[in-house]
C-alpha atoms as a PDB file:
ATOM      1  CA  MET A   1     -45.706  61.640 -59.691  1.00  0.00           C
ATOM      2  CA  ASP A   2     -44.590  62.251 -56.128  1.00  0.00           C
ATOM      3  CA  LYS A   3     -46.970  59.563 -54.914  1.00  0.00           C
ATOM      4  CA  ILE A   4     -45.516  57.019 -57.337  1.00  0.00           C
ATOM      5  CA  LEU A   5     -41.937  57.908 -56.237  1.00  0.00           C
ATOM      6  CA  LYS A   6     -42.837  57.658 -52.589  1.00  0.00           C
ATOM      7  CA  LYS A   7     -44.494  54.278 -53.230  1.00  0.00           C
ATOM      8  CA  LYS A   8     -41.367  52.976 -54.971  1.00  0.00           C
ATOM      9  CA  MET A   9     -39.153  54.251 -52.155  1.00  0.00           C
ATOM     10  CA  ALA A  10     -41.360  52.514 -49.583  1.00  0.00           C
ATOM     11  CA  MET A  11     -41.175  49.249 -51.508  1.00  0.00           C
ATOM     12  CA  ILE A  12     -37.381  49.511 -51.766  1.00  0.00           C
ATOM     13  CA  ALA A  13     -37.104  50.246 -48.020  1.00  0.00           C
ATOM     14  CA  ALA A  14     -39.328  47.253 -47.223  1.00  0.00           C
ATOM     15  CA  ALA A  15     -37.207  45.001 -49.436  1.00  0.00           C
ATOM     16  CA  VAL A  16     -33.989  46.193 -47.786  1.00  0.00           C
ATOM     17  CA  ALA A  17     -35.464  45.647 -44.325  1.00  0.00           C
ATOM     18  CA  THR A  18     -36.628  42.153 -45.248  1.00  0.00           C
ATOM     19  CA  GLY A  19     -33.177  41.294 -46.582  1.00  0.00           C
ATOM     20  CA  ALA A  20     -31.493  42.615 -43.468  1.00  0.00           C
ATOM     21  CA  VAL A  21     -33.717  40.514 -41.248  1.00  0.00           C
ATOM     22  CA  GLY A  22     -32.966  37.433 -43.347  1.00  0.00           C
ATOM     23  CA  VAL A  23     -29.231  38.036 -43.162  1.00  0.00           C
ATOM     24  CA  TYR A  24     -29.461  38.585 -39.404  1.00  0.00           C
ATOM     25  CA  PHE A  25     -31.220  35.289 -38.744  1.00  0.00           C
ATOM     26  CA  PHE A  26     -28.977  33.430 -41.203  1.00  0.00           C
ATOM     27  CA  PHE A  27     -25.845  34.335 -39.303  1.00  0.00           C
ATOM     28  CA  GLN A  28     -27.310  33.863 -35.808  1.00  0.00           C
ATOM     29  CA  PRO A  29     -25.520  31.062 -33.773  1.00  0.00           C
ATOM     30  CA  GLY A  30     -27.920  28.192 -33.681  1.00  0.00           C
ATOM     31  CA  LYS A  31     -27.978  24.458 -33.202  1.00  0.00           C
ATOM     32  CA  GLU A  32     -24.733  23.838 -35.065  1.00  0.00           C
ATOM     33  CA  LEU A  33     -22.789  26.084 -32.657  1.00  0.00           C
ATOM     34  CA  VAL A  34     -24.268  24.335 -29.644  1.00  0.00           C
ATOM     35  CA  GLU A  35     -23.382  20.988 -31.106  1.00  0.00           C
ATOM     36  CA  THR A  36     -19.818  22.190 -31.753  1.00  0.00           C
ATOM     37  CA  GLU A  37     -19.495  23.258 -28.135  1.00  0.00           C
ATOM     38  CA  ASP A  38     -20.822  19.873 -27.027  1.00  0.00           C
ATOM     39  CA  ILE A  39     -18.229  18.123 -29.171  1.00  0.00           C
ATOM     40  CA  PHE A  40     -15.403  20.061 -27.554  1.00  0.00           C
ATOM     41  CA  ALA A  41     -16.833  19.363 -24.085  1.00  0.00           C
ATOM     42  CA  VAL A  42     -17.066  15.636 -24.771  1.00  0.00           C
ATOM     43  CA  SER A  43     -13.537  15.554 -26.179  1.00  0.00           C
ATOM     44  CA  ALA A  44     -12.186  17.306 -23.110  1.00  0.00           C
ATOM     45  CA  ASN A  45     -13.964  14.898 -20.780  1.00  0.00           C
ATOM     46  CA  ASP A  46     -12.705  11.923 -22.754  1.00  0.00           C
ATOM     47  CA  GLY A  47      -9.162  13.212 -22.417  1.00  0.00           C
ATOM     48  CA  ILE A  48      -9.522  13.586 -18.650  1.00  0.00           C
ATOM     49  CA  ASP A  49     -10.999  10.091 -18.329  1.00  0.00           C
ATOM     50  CA  GLU A  50      -8.137   8.612 -20.336  1.00  0.00           C
ATOM     51  CA  MET A  51      -5.525  10.418 -18.244  1.00  0.00           C
ATOM     52  CA  THR A  52      -7.211   9.253 -15.052  1.00  0.00           C
ATOM     53  CA  THR A  53      -7.259   5.656 -16.279  1.00  0.00           C
ATOM     54  CA  GLU A  54      -3.627   5.760 -17.325  1.00  0.00           C
ATOM     55  CA  THR A  55      -2.450   7.221 -14.040  1.00  0.00           C
ATOM     56  CA  GLU A  56      -4.330   4.772 -11.810  1.00  0.00           C
ATOM     57  CA  ALA A  57      -1.769   2.617 -10.024  1.00  0.00           C
ATOM     58  CA  GLU A  58      -2.126  -1.101 -10.371  1.00  0.00           C
ATOM     59  CA  PRO A  59      -2.957  -2.720  -7.012  1.00  0.00           C
ATOM     60  CA  LEU A  60      -0.070  -4.575  -5.368  1.00  0.00           C
ATOM     61  CA  ILE A  61      -0.715  -8.308  -5.029  1.00  0.00           C
ATOM     62  CA  ILE A  62       0.665  -9.602  -1.729  1.00  0.00           C
ATOM     63  CA  LYS A  63       0.945 -13.361  -1.312  1.00  0.00           C
ATOM     64  CA  VAL A  64       1.769 -14.806   2.109  1.00  0.00           C
ATOM     65  CA  ASP A  65       2.519 -18.434   3.021  1.00  0.00           C
ATOM     66  CA  VAL A  66       1.007 -19.402   6.386  1.00  0.00           C
ATOM     67  CA  LYS A  67       2.372 -22.612   7.898  1.00  0.00           C
ATOM     68  CA  GLY A  68       2.522 -24.530  11.159  1.00  0.00           C
ATOM     69  CA  ALA A  69      -0.081 -24.783  13.879  1.00  0.00           C
ATOM     70  CA  VAL A  70      -3.021 -23.178  12.063  1.00  0.00           C
ATOM     71  CA  GLN A  71      -6.299 -24.743  11.048  1.00  0.00           C
ATOM     72  CA  ALA A  72      -5.876 -24.340   7.278  1.00  0.00           C
ATOM     73  CA  PRO A  73      -2.262 -23.717   6.184  1.00  0.00           C
ATOM     74  CA  GLY A  74      -1.769 -22.311   2.708  1.00  0.00           C
ATOM     75  CA  ILE A  75      -0.968 -19.309   0.566  1.00  0.00           C
ATOM     76  CA  PHE A  76      -3.238 -16.330   1.089  1.00  0.00           C
ATOM     77  CA  THR A  77      -3.695 -12.944  -0.548  1.00  0.00           C
ATOM     78  CA  ALA A  78      -3.168  -9.993   1.772  1.00  0.00           C
ATOM     79  CA  GLU A  79      -3.862  -6.290   1.428  1.00  0.00           C
ATOM     80  CA  ALA A  80      -1.497  -3.436   2.116  1.00  0.00           C
ATOM     81  CA  GLY A  81      -1.552  -2.743   5.854  1.00  0.00           C
ATOM     82  CA  ASP A  82      -2.526  -6.272   6.869  1.00  0.00           C
ATOM     83  CA  ARG A  83      -0.721  -7.739   9.877  1.00  0.00           C
ATOM     84  CA  VAL A  84       0.286 -11.260  10.844  1.00  0.00           C
ATOM     85  CA  ILE A  85      -2.834 -11.800  12.935  1.00  0.00           C
ATOM     86  CA  ASP A  86      -5.014 -10.979   9.894  1.00  0.00           C
ATOM     87  CA  LEU A  87      -3.381 -13.719   7.820  1.00  0.00           C
ATOM     88  CA  ILE A  88      -3.580 -16.236  10.663  1.00  0.00           C
ATOM     89  CA  SER A  89      -7.311 -15.518  10.791  1.00  0.00           C
ATOM     90  CA  LYS A  90      -7.553 -16.237   7.057  1.00  0.00           C
ATOM     91  CA  ALA A  91      -5.855 -19.567   7.757  1.00  0.00           C
ATOM     92  CA  GLY A  92      -8.631 -20.516  10.157  1.00  0.00           C
ATOM     93  CA  SER A  93      -6.864 -19.268  13.314  1.00  0.00           C
ATOM     94  CA  PHE A  94      -4.632 -21.310  15.646  1.00  0.00           C
ATOM     95  CA  THR A  95      -4.833 -24.974  16.540  1.00  0.00           C
ATOM     96  CA  ASP A  96      -4.936 -26.057  20.178  1.00  0.00           C
ATOM     97  CA  LYS A  97      -1.216 -26.860  20.046  1.00  0.00           C
ATOM     98  CA  ALA A  98      -0.075 -23.461  18.746  1.00  0.00           C
ATOM     99  CA  ASP A  99       2.540 -21.548  20.748  1.00  0.00           C
ATOM    100  CA  LYS A 100       1.006 -18.077  20.355  1.00  0.00           C
ATOM    101  CA  ASP A 101       3.731 -16.429  22.425  1.00  0.00           C
ATOM    102  CA  LYS A 102       6.284 -17.094  19.687  1.00  0.00           C
ATOM    103  CA  VAL A 103       4.540 -15.034  16.986  1.00  0.00           C
ATOM    104  CA  ASN A 104       4.496 -11.258  16.561  1.00  0.00           C
ATOM    105  CA  PHE A 105       0.831 -10.638  15.793  1.00  0.00           C
ATOM    106  CA  ALA A 106       1.345  -6.933  15.033  1.00  0.00           C
ATOM    107  CA  GLN A 107       4.017  -7.376  12.359  1.00  0.00           C
ATOM    108  CA  LEU A 108       3.104  -5.955   8.945  1.00  0.00           C
ATOM    109  CA  VAL A 109       3.007  -8.570   6.204  1.00  0.00           C
ATOM    110  CA  GLU A 110       4.945  -8.400   2.938  1.00  0.00           C
ATOM    111  CA  ASP A 111       4.852 -10.171  -0.400  1.00  0.00           C
ATOM    112  CA  GLN A 112       6.525 -13.628  -0.279  1.00  0.00           C
ATOM    113  CA  MET A 113       6.432 -13.620   3.516  1.00  0.00           C
ATOM    114  CA  VAL A 114       6.358 -16.912   5.425  1.00  0.00           C
ATOM    115  CA  ILE A 115       4.390 -16.932   8.667  1.00  0.00           C
ATOM    116  CA  TYR A 116       5.197 -20.017  10.725  1.00  0.00           C
ATOM    117  CA  VAL A 117       3.239 -20.723  13.902  1.00  0.00           C
ATOM    118  CA  PRO A 118       5.199 -23.235  16.010  1.00  0.00           C
ATOM    119  CA  LYS A 119       3.662 -25.820  18.283  1.00  0.00           C
ATOM    120  CA  ILE A 120       4.184 -25.617  22.036  1.00  0.00           C
ATOM    121  CA  GLY A 121       7.622 -26.994  22.866  1.00  0.00           C
ATOM    122  CA  GLU A 122       8.687 -27.138  19.216  1.00  0.00           C
ATOM    123  CA  GLU A 123      12.381 -26.425  18.688  1.00  0.00           C
ATOM    124  CA  GLY A 124      14.866 -26.541  15.824  1.00  0.00           C
ATOM    125  CA  ILE A 125      12.390 -25.648  13.101  1.00  0.00           C
ATOM    126  CA  GLU A 126      13.782 -25.750   9.568  1.00  0.00           C
ATOM    127  CA  LEU A 127      12.024 -23.120   7.510  1.00  0.00           C
ATOM    128  CA  PRO A 128      12.055 -23.036   3.689  1.00  0.00           C
ATOM    129  CA  GLU A 129      15.113 -21.355   2.201  1.00  0.00           C
ATOM    130  CA  ASN A 130      13.081 -18.459   0.832  1.00  0.00           C
ATOM    131  CA  ALA A 131      11.688 -17.680   4.272  1.00  0.00           C
ATOM    132  CA  SER A 132      14.579 -15.312   4.939  1.00  0.00           C
ATOM    133  CA  ALA A 133      16.420 -15.236   1.608  1.00  0.00           C
ATOM    134  CA  ALA A 134      13.596 -14.006  -0.651  1.00  0.00           C
ATOM    135  CA  SER A 135      13.951 -10.440  -1.892  1.00  0.00           C
ATOM    136  CA  SER A 136      11.120  -9.177   0.285  1.00  0.00           C
ATOM    137  CA  GLY A 137      10.213 -12.232   2.307  1.00  0.00           C
ATOM    138  CA  THR A 138      10.363 -12.511   6.059  1.00  0.00           C
ATOM    139  CA  ALA A 139       9.780 -15.377   8.434  1.00  0.00           C
ATOM    140  CA  ALA A 140       7.410 -14.221  11.134  1.00  0.00           C
ATOM    141  CA  THR A 141       8.307 -16.931  13.584  1.00  0.00           C
ATOM    142  CA  GLY A 142      10.118 -17.410  16.822  1.00  0.00           C
ATOM    143  CA  GLY A 143      10.001 -21.195  17.027  1.00  0.00           C
ATOM    144  CA  ALA A 144      13.717 -21.527  16.428  1.00  0.00           C
ATOM    145  CA  SER A 145      15.312 -18.954  18.661  1.00  0.00           C
ATOM    146  CA  GLU A 146      17.155 -16.221  16.763  1.00  0.00           C
ATOM    147  CA  SER A 147      19.799 -16.174  19.471  1.00  0.00           C
ATOM    148  CA  SER A 148      20.467 -19.897  18.973  1.00  0.00           C
ATOM    149  CA  ARG A 149      21.679 -19.078  15.457  1.00  0.00           C
ATOM    150  CA  GLY A 150      24.371 -16.704  16.739  1.00  0.00           C
ATOM    151  CA  GLN A 151      22.779 -13.306  16.078  1.00  0.00           C
ATOM    152  CA  VAL A 152      19.372 -11.799  16.644  1.00  0.00           C
ATOM    153  CA  ASN A 153      17.771 -10.496  13.459  1.00  0.00           C
ATOM    154  CA  LEU A 154      16.197  -7.162  14.314  1.00  0.00           C
ATOM    155  CA  ASN A 155      13.689  -7.568  11.485  1.00  0.00           C
ATOM    156  CA  THR A 156      12.301 -10.975  12.488  1.00  0.00           C
ATOM    157  CA  ALA A 157      13.021 -11.279  16.197  1.00  0.00           C
ATOM    158  CA  THR A 158      10.212 -11.706  18.681  1.00  0.00           C
ATOM    159  CA  LYS A 159      10.070  -9.944  22.011  1.00  0.00           C
ATOM    160  CA  GLU A 160      11.550 -13.015  23.702  1.00  0.00           C
ATOM    161  CA  ASP A 161      14.450 -13.087  21.217  1.00  0.00           C
ATOM    162  CA  LEU A 162      15.257  -9.440  21.857  1.00  0.00           C
ATOM    163  CA  GLU A 163      15.224  -9.954  25.604  1.00  0.00           C
ATOM    164  CA  THR A 164      18.102 -12.418  25.256  1.00  0.00           C
ATOM    165  CA  LEU A 165      20.344  -9.522  24.226  1.00  0.00           C
ATOM    166  CA  SER A 166      22.579  -7.860  26.798  1.00  0.00           C
ATOM    167  CA  GLY A 167      20.932  -4.791  28.293  1.00  0.00           C
ATOM    168  CA  ILE A 168      17.562  -5.358  26.578  1.00  0.00           C
ATOM    169  CA  GLY A 169      14.674  -5.849  28.945  1.00  0.00           C
ATOM    170  CA  THR A 170      10.940  -5.926  28.422  1.00  0.00           C
ATOM    171  CA  SER A 171      10.514  -2.177  27.871  1.00  0.00           C
ATOM    172  CA  LYS A 172      13.361  -1.853  25.357  1.00  0.00           C
ATOM    173  CA  ALA A 173      12.305  -4.998  23.512  1.00  0.00           C
ATOM    174  CA  THR A 174       8.792  -3.561  23.209  1.00  0.00           C
ATOM    175  CA  ALA A 175      10.232  -0.251  21.989  1.00  0.00           C
ATOM    176  CA  ILE A 176      12.216  -2.063  19.269  1.00  0.00           C
ATOM    177  CA  LEU A 177       9.120  -3.921  18.050  1.00  0.00           C
ATOM    178  CA  GLU A 178       7.061  -0.721  18.033  1.00  0.00           C
ATOM    179  CA  TYR A 179       9.782   1.075  16.073  1.00  0.00           C
ATOM    180  CA  ARG A 180       9.927  -1.765  13.526  1.00  0.00           C
ATOM    181  CA  ASP A 181       6.154  -1.834  13.080  1.00  0.00           C
ATOM    182  CA  THR A 182       5.922   1.961  12.748  1.00  0.00           C
ATOM    183  CA  ILE A 183       9.034   2.881  10.737  1.00  0.00           C
ATOM    184  CA  GLY A 184       9.654  -0.390   8.924  1.00  0.00           C
ATOM    185  CA  LYS A 185      12.445  -2.918   8.674  1.00  0.00           C
ATOM    186  CA  PHE A 186      15.919  -2.022   9.882  1.00  0.00           C
ATOM    187  CA  LYS A 187      18.286  -1.465   6.948  1.00  0.00           C
ATOM    188  CA  GLN A 188      21.450  -1.213   9.080  1.00  0.00           C
ATOM    189  CA  ILE A 189      22.138  -2.338  12.628  1.00  0.00           C
ATOM    190  CA  ASP A 190      23.143   1.172  13.751  1.00  0.00           C
ATOM    191  CA  GLU A 191      19.516   2.267  13.162  1.00  0.00           C
ATOM    192  CA  LEU A 192      18.867   0.584  16.497  1.00  0.00           C
ATOM    193  CA  LYS A 193      20.182   3.769  18.107  1.00  0.00           C
ATOM    194  CA  ASN A 194      17.076   5.542  16.798  1.00  0.00           C
ATOM    195  CA  VAL A 195      14.964   3.498  19.205  1.00  0.00           C
ATOM    196  CA  SER A 196      14.065   5.311  22.392  1.00  0.00           C
ATOM    197  CA  GLY A 197      16.231   4.211  25.333  1.00  0.00           C
ATOM    198  CA  ILE A 198      19.081   2.777  23.261  1.00  0.00           C
ATOM    199  CA  GLY A 199      22.176   4.938  23.144  1.00  0.00           C
ATOM    200  CA  ASP A 200      25.749   4.534  21.922  1.00  0.00           C
ATOM    201  CA  LYS A 201      26.907   2.520  24.945  1.00  0.00           C
ATOM    202  CA  THR A 202      24.076   0.013  24.677  1.00  0.00           C
ATOM    203  CA  PHE A 203      24.601  -0.292  20.930  1.00  0.00           C
ATOM    204  CA  GLU A 204      28.323  -1.018  21.358  1.00  0.00           C
ATOM    205  CA  LYS A 205      27.418  -3.959  23.601  1.00  0.00           C
ATOM    206  CA  LEU A 206      24.869  -5.262  21.083  1.00  0.00           C
ATOM    207  CA  LYS A 207      26.416  -4.667  17.658  1.00  0.00           C
ATOM    208  CA  ASP A 208      28.152  -8.061  17.486  1.00  0.00           C
ATOM    209  CA  SER A 209      24.982  -9.894  18.540  1.00  0.00           C
ATOM    210  CA  ILE A 210      22.506  -8.396  16.074  1.00  0.00           C
ATOM    211  CA  SER A 211      21.881  -8.413  12.329  1.00  0.00           C
ATOM    212  CA  VAL A 212      19.325  -7.144   9.845  1.00  0.00           C
ATOM    213  CA  LYS A 213      19.507  -9.972   7.270  1.00  0.00           C
END
């Protein structure tokens, strides 16, 4: 009798153990859990990619009109940081008749800018109206002297134009050009006092002879 009872107890214990093992493996995290984690990882990456795409700034398109004594005049696409000399190179460089001394090679280019390279001895150039009136356009030329038009534009003047001003010699003219190329266009004429070597007294002598438009 005891043997039969012990045998039944052993069978019951074995059945319980087998059931426990089955339950254990049934509830173990398996492939489905891994796949769920992968789904969340992919979703997170997709979100980051979308945010990155949305926040990427659209590249600025800069169009510059190169005219005058260059090999291939026309409208060219520039990149941010390009200077006048870079656009002249795109236009095939200068012709033999170009007056290179009248152009500021180091000037930064802007959208809608007109770069005019005058011929040697050329005077009284009539530039297109938008050469100086466009919202962000500038005429990078010195063919028609700024001083001959009454005032010297600090934002378009060449070194020679600046030297026509009272009290402005070679060193100060160079300092003005370097300031303009480094800081940017003058917004008001009194910003000229920020240029090294130009104080209040010099500015008072110049203020009626200069402009920024």
